Amino acid sequence: MRRFYLSFLILLFLLAAVLACGQKRITAEEESSDGGRLFVRSCQSCHALPKPGSQSDEKWPVIVKRYGPRAKLSETEIASITEYLIANN
């Protein structure tokens, strides 16, 4: 029985290590701006973070405006995230 628990704990540790390796690292730009911090905190809770350059300057406002209410973001937060994404596109 003791051997089972030890094996289970080792497996659990390995799984946690594998999952941690797949997480996106936060960039300096994301850490240094309000919009970047909001982007990481709000958007990463539901899905992997897209790169700011993955959409055009015209598409980001539409996307953030669409998903902002789902993430319970205020208009100010939506504007801040949009500004960050466009500035780093």
C-alpha atoms as a PDB file:
ATOM      1  CA  MET A   1       0.000   0.000   0.000  1.00  0.00           C
ATOM      2  CA  ARG A   2       2.832   2.371   0.878  1.00  0.00           C
ATOM      3  CA  ARG A   3       4.418   1.682  -2.498  1.00  0.00           C
ATOM      4  CA  PHE A   4       1.168   2.647  -4.239  1.00  0.00           C
ATOM      5  CA  TYR A   5       1.043   6.030  -2.484  1.00  0.00           C
ATOM      6  CA  LEU A   6       4.666   6.738  -3.283  1.00  0.00           C
ATOM      7  CA  SER A   7       4.091   5.897  -6.957  1.00  0.00           C
ATOM      8  CA  PHE A   8       0.972   8.060  -6.997  1.00  0.00           C
ATOM      9  CA  LEU A   9       2.832  11.039  -5.497  1.00  0.00           C
ATOM     10  CA  ILE A  10       5.676  10.699  -7.993  1.00  0.00           C
ATOM     11  CA  LEU A  11       3.204  10.560 -10.864  1.00  0.00           C
ATOM     12  CA  LEU A  12       1.359  13.597  -9.516  1.00  0.00           C
ATOM     13  CA  PHE A  13       4.631  15.524  -9.222  1.00  0.00           C
ATOM     14  CA  LEU A  14       5.624  14.637 -12.786  1.00  0.00           C
ATOM     15  CA  LEU A  15       2.224  15.707 -14.110  1.00  0.00           C
ATOM     16  CA  ALA A  16       2.515  19.056 -12.316  1.00  0.00           C
ATOM     17  CA  ALA A  17       5.996  19.557 -13.775  1.00  0.00           C
ATOM     18  CA  VAL A  18       4.798  18.812 -17.316  1.00  0.00           C
ATOM     19  CA  LEU A  19       1.843  21.193 -16.984  1.00  0.00           C
ATOM     20  CA  ALA A  20       4.059  23.959 -15.601  1.00  0.00           C
ATOM     21  CA  CYS A  21       6.375  23.686 -18.605  1.00  0.00           C
ATOM     22  CA  GLY A  22       3.506  24.436 -20.967  1.00  0.00           C
ATOM     23  CA  GLN A  23       2.517  27.711 -19.326  1.00  0.00           C
ATOM     24  CA  LYS A  24       3.292  30.935 -21.156  1.00  0.00           C
ATOM     25  CA  ARG A  25       5.953  33.158 -19.674  1.00  0.00           C
ATOM     26  CA  ILE A  26       4.857  36.721 -19.032  1.00  0.00           C
ATOM     27  CA  THR A  27       6.881  39.229 -21.050  1.00  0.00           C
ATOM     28  CA  ALA A  28       8.373  42.460 -19.743  1.00  0.00           C
ATOM     29  CA  GLU A  29       5.841  44.466 -21.769  1.00  0.00           C
ATOM     30  CA  GLU A  30       2.950  42.596 -20.164  1.00  0.00           C
ATOM     31  CA  GLU A  31       4.356  43.154 -16.677  1.00  0.00           C
ATOM     32  CA  SER A  32       5.132  46.831 -17.159  1.00  0.00           C
ATOM     33  CA  SER A  33       1.785  48.142 -18.392  1.00  0.00           C
ATOM     34  CA  ASP A  34      -1.671  48.161 -16.857  1.00  0.00           C
ATOM     35  CA  GLY A  35      -3.131  46.867 -20.108  1.00  0.00           C
ATOM     36  CA  GLY A  36      -0.571  44.076 -20.255  1.00  0.00           C
ATOM     37  CA  ARG A  37      -1.247  42.980 -16.691  1.00  0.00           C
ATOM     38  CA  LEU A  38      -5.001  43.070 -17.304  1.00  0.00           C
ATOM     39  CA  PHE A  39      -4.548  41.131 -20.538  1.00  0.00           C
ATOM     40  CA  VAL A  40      -2.649  38.349 -18.762  1.00  0.00           C
ATOM     41  CA  ARG A  41      -4.933  38.230 -15.728  1.00  0.00           C
ATOM     42  CA  SER A  42      -8.237  38.422 -17.586  1.00  0.00           C
ATOM     43  CA  CYS A  43      -7.650  36.564 -20.829  1.00  0.00           C
ATOM     44  CA  GLN A  44      -5.410  33.765 -19.612  1.00  0.00           C
ATOM     45  CA  SER A  45      -8.079  32.567 -17.190  1.00  0.00           C
ATOM     46  CA  CYS A  46     -10.098  31.162 -20.120  1.00  0.00           C
ATOM     47  CA  HIS A  47      -7.540  30.343 -22.834  1.00  0.00           C
ATOM     48  CA  ALA A  48      -3.927  30.558 -23.938  1.00  0.00           C
ATOM     49  CA  LEU A  49      -2.842  34.119 -24.547  1.00  0.00           C
ATOM     50  CA  PRO A  50      -2.685  35.164 -28.185  1.00  0.00           C
ATOM     51  CA  LYS A  51       0.293  37.180 -29.344  1.00  0.00           C
ATOM     52  CA  PRO A  52      -0.566  40.847 -29.902  1.00  0.00           C
ATOM     53  CA  GLY A  53       0.670  40.496 -33.484  1.00  0.00           C
ATOM     54  CA  SER A  54      -1.788  37.695 -34.242  1.00  0.00           C
ATOM     55  CA  GLN A  55      -4.550  40.193 -35.121  1.00  0.00           C
ATOM     56  CA  SER A  56      -4.607  43.512 -36.923  1.00  0.00           C
ATOM     57  CA  ASP A  57      -5.016  46.892 -35.244  1.00  0.00           C
ATOM     58  CA  GLU A  58      -8.548  46.994 -36.654  1.00  0.00           C
ATOM     59  CA  LYS A  59      -9.566  43.579 -35.285  1.00  0.00           C
ATOM     60  CA  TRP A  60      -8.317  43.907 -31.691  1.00  0.00           C
ATOM     61  CA  PRO A  61     -10.921  46.487 -30.577  1.00  0.00           C
ATOM     62  CA  VAL A  62     -13.725  44.291 -31.949  1.00  0.00           C
ATOM     63  CA  ILE A  63     -12.376  41.152 -30.276  1.00  0.00           C
ATOM     64  CA  VAL A  64     -11.724  42.765 -26.885  1.00  0.00           C
ATOM     65  CA  LYS A  65     -15.102  44.528 -26.940  1.00  0.00           C
ATOM     66  CA  ARG A  66     -16.821  41.186 -27.686  1.00  0.00           C
ATOM     67  CA  TYR A  67     -15.096  39.204 -24.930  1.00  0.00           C
ATOM     68  CA  GLY A  68     -14.642  41.984 -22.362  1.00  0.00           C
ATOM     69  CA  PRO A  69     -18.121  41.626 -20.850  1.00  0.00           C
ATOM     70  CA  ARG A  70     -17.676  37.834 -20.581  1.00  0.00           C
ATOM     71  CA  ALA A  71     -14.496  38.477 -18.588  1.00  0.00           C
ATOM     72  CA  LYS A  72     -16.408  41.040 -16.498  1.00  0.00           C
ATOM     73  CA  LEU A  73     -14.152  43.887 -17.627  1.00  0.00           C
ATOM     74  CA  SER A  74     -15.090  47.531 -17.269  1.00  0.00           C
ATOM     75  CA  GLU A  75     -14.993  49.883 -20.248  1.00  0.00           C
ATOM     76  CA  THR A  76     -11.756  51.354 -18.872  1.00  0.00           C
ATOM     77  CA  GLU A  77     -10.179  47.891 -18.634  1.00  0.00           C
ATOM     78  CA  ILE A  78     -11.336  47.024 -22.163  1.00  0.00           C
ATOM     79  CA  ALA A  79      -9.766  50.250 -23.451  1.00  0.00           C
ATOM     80  CA  SER A  80      -6.529  49.565 -21.567  1.00  0.00           C
ATOM     81  CA  ILE A  81      -6.196  46.014 -22.928  1.00  0.00           C
ATOM     82  CA  THR A  82      -7.018  47.189 -26.452  1.00  0.00           C
ATOM     83  CA  GLU A  83      -4.415  49.943 -26.212  1.00  0.00           C
ATOM     84  CA  TYR A  84      -1.806  47.422 -25.011  1.00  0.00           C
ATOM     85  CA  LEU A  85      -2.568  44.969 -27.830  1.00  0.00           C
ATOM     86  CA  ILE A  86      -2.403  47.631 -30.543  1.00  0.00           C
ATOM     87  CA  ALA A  87       0.781  49.164 -29.124  1.00  0.00           C
ATOM     88  CA  ASN A  88       2.491  45.767 -29.083  1.00  0.00           C
ATOM     89  CA  ASN A  89       1.132  44.543 -32.428  1.00  0.00           C
END
